[in-house]
Amino acid sequence: MSASSAFSDEKGGSSSEPEYGHDPASGGIFSSDYKRHDDLKEMLDSNKDSLKLEAMKRIVAMIARGKNASDLFPAVVKNVACKNIEVKKLVYVYLVRYAEEQQDLALLSISTFQRGLKDPNQLIRASALRVLSSIRVTIIVPIMMLAIKEAASDMSPYVRKTAAHAIPKLHSLDPEQKDQLIEVIEKLLADKTTLVAGSVVMAFEEVCPDRIDLIHKNYRKLCNLLIDVEEWGQVVIINMLTRYARTQFLNPNINESLLEDSGDRAFYASDDEEEDEDKKAEAAALPKRKPYVMDPDHRLLLRNTKPLLQSRNAAVVMAVAQLYFHLAPKAEVGVIAKALVRLMRSHSEVQYVVLQNVATMSIKRRGMFEPYLKSFYIRSTDPTQIKILKLEVLTNLANETNISTILREFQTYIKSMDKDFVAASIQAIGRCATNIGEVRDTCLNGLVQLLSNRDELVVAESVVVIKKLLQMQPEQHSDIIKHMAKLIDNIQVPMARASILWLIGEYCEHVPKISPDVLRKMAKTFNNEEDIVKLQIINLAAKLYLTNSKQTKLLTQYVLNLAKYDQNYDIRDRARFIRQLIVPTDKSGALNKYAKKLFLALKPAPVLESPFKDRDHFQLGSLSHLLNAKAGGYQELPDWPESAPDPSVRNVEVIRLLERVTTLTSIPDWSKCTSRKDRKEKKIEKPFYSDSDGESGPTESADSGNCGEHNLEPFEWCKLMGMNEISEKLSLGEKCVNEHIIVERVTATANLSRVPCGSDKECRFAGKTVSSGCLVLVTVATKEGGGAQLTVNCEKMVIGTMLVKDMLQALSQ
């Protein structure tokens, strides 16, 4: 087949459709794809699991390479009920990818997905839920809600994690389900598995970020789990806890900021007596303010996030850095500098994000980056955007001590071939000169030399900076204008000549002798100048006519006459307009009176300030901070509270344990139990279990410990998870005459520590194994007549048995 005929087939021409067995080498591209997919369909319809598995592997490989495999959906979805676990896994991988695109076909398999939710394999259960949540049809919302609730109670943390991922999907599909989803989120937030923590916090941020009451009781758990959560989860949790801390703790720098504010107000004080009195009262109140004491939970967050600065993941390091910047005392923020500098050795994309945040930090916390000044020096291989950001940081770090070093560095940057970078360097020099008066003259003279540059962008930036510095250095007007008047003879670049003429016109009143000479030179070459230069010559002539008409009247008329017959109509129109405006005649209108105000009006100085100046109101590390605009889904960083909220709201775990103890001690059947002897006579069994939220406690028939008079024992029993109890009676040895000897014998036999006990006739000891950390509880209850009861509680029966044997031998001697 020829190329033209193949093309006509592709476009739907008159040629017949390619045959099924067409050779792919002949150009039948579509026939080749069709044949390959047909083979896959045959393999999926086969009765052999090996063929199905091979077909699914090829299909998943196609998806991984970015190829479209959606036309295979009907053939794949039929195999979702396949008994082969490996095939079923790959089928669910495919369905997760295409369930949203092929919703009608996916709906036909809803019952199969629901059966998958009951599958013994946790991966199948999770995949079934993932596919179910990918079907964006409101009719199955009740089914999705039920599936999410069941998965949230699943024994597998992987399935619970998948349930957390499904919550935002269901919320976006039907926001009316928010209340029920919040209940599921609350349940999952109590999960103590690190695998679930990051996912449920992400669901919290998507569905109900304003419900901080859900975080109170889980705050300490999240802080303690943070180090073991996966990296993606760490970023999510840290960002959430940053906003949480801003609502629950006091500003650690509050006293320092008040002192700074009072100092600024004193410097810019007005003469108003009432304001002075108010300021005196505020200043007097500062020493009376209570000294700041950091909340222990605030310190817990800072302490547990600090090790993550060593993380290999740049996003985690950046998250911790922003947390310290927004929450830590000023004296402690410096620890993040070294970690951020380390990230600058990463890829350019990472450097860009890090430098954006460093540029913001360096405005308010300049000191912490000063030791790493050389790390921000620019390399010739850096991309332009990285160069400009490093330049921004160097400018922010400039002070009287290091300005000479920084200016030498800037001097080399101006020679770069990257004109955008050179223009940014000129602005950086201007900002340094604006902030540090000692180098202002040097910078001004150097910038004037740049006016001879051939690049228009460089010249334009130089003019802006020179204008700013001249307004700050009025005593330099005469010298700088004189220098520029000499410089214009040697400059041939039209943009540079026009810029110099504009600057001379701006300050013509201050240099009445120099300006007419410059105008006279330019009038001679008027016809040979570029249009941009001619416009500035006319502008200079008008200003000199209004300020020094005696010397420049004839010269101005000569320039206007030359412009009257110029070939460019813009030049002719400008000359005609200016003549009517500045030269009074009978035909002159009312504008003639305002000519000086129009031409000689004071113009505001160009603003030379950091573009990152006010960007810290966005949370660092966020997309909104990067764009300097509020992005969708962004949560505002709250202001610090005026007074500290109640810290007891985070004591929920203790309260929950106390509630359990109260319940145990109030059970009527146990209210009269005062000793183990009584409990043995009543034949109360002591099974233990581990409940669903990870905390352990007794069942209804469990031993409550020393109930009634003492409430300490239930605390100990609640710590024992799935214990085995071994009890033996013994006769104490002749030397075991008192409690001290018993304690000595027990501790000599095993490395245990004595723990408090509510009875004078009992001694209790606790410890844990070195290798696995299994808890061990040993109780020796003495009886009259030299008898005793030895009880060992241990999760591992072998260890308990060995310990009982050794204890019996030690106490019987």
Foldseek 3Di string as FASTA:
>chain_A
DDPVVLVCVVVVHPDDQDDLPDDVVVPNVVSVVVNVLVLLLVLLPDPDPVSLLVSLVVVVVCVVVVHDDQVCLVSLLVCCVPPDPSSVLSSLVVLLVCCCVPVVSVVVCLVSLVVQCVDPDLSSNLSSLSNVLSRLDPVCLVVNLVSLQVQCLDPDVVSVQSSLQSLLSSCVSPVVCLVVSVVSLLSLLLALDLANQLSSLVSCLRRPLPPCLSCQQNLLSCLVSLVVHDPNSNLSSLVSVLLVCLAFWFALCVLVVLVVVLVVCVVVPDPDPVVVVVSVVSVVCSVVDDHDDGDVSLVSNLVSLLVQLPPPDLSSLQSNLLSCLRHNPLVPSLSSQVSLLVQCVDDLVSLLQSLLLLLLVCQPNVVSCVVVLVSLQDDPPRDLSSLLSSLSNNLSNDDPVCPVVSVVSLVVQCPDPPLVSNLSSLLSLLSNCVVDVVCLVVNLVVLLVQLLPQDLSSNVSSLQSNQQSCVVPVVCLQVSLVVLLVVLVVHDRQSSNLSNLVSCLLCCLVPVPSLVVSLVVCLVCLLVHDPSNLVSSLLSLLSCCVRPVVSRVVVNVSSLVVQCPHPDVVSNVVSVVSCLQDPDDPPRDPNVVCSCCVSNPDDDRDDRDDPSHPLVQARRPDPCSVVVHDDPSGDGRDHRDPDRPDSCSNVVVVVVLVVVLVVLLPDVVCQPPADVVVCVVVVQDAFWAQDSSRWTATDPSHDCARHNPDSPSNVVRRRAHGKDKDKDKAFFAPVPPDDVVLVVLLCVLDVWDWDDHDDPQKTKTWDADDPPRWIKIWMWGADPPRMIMIMIITNDVVVRVVSVVSSRVSRHD
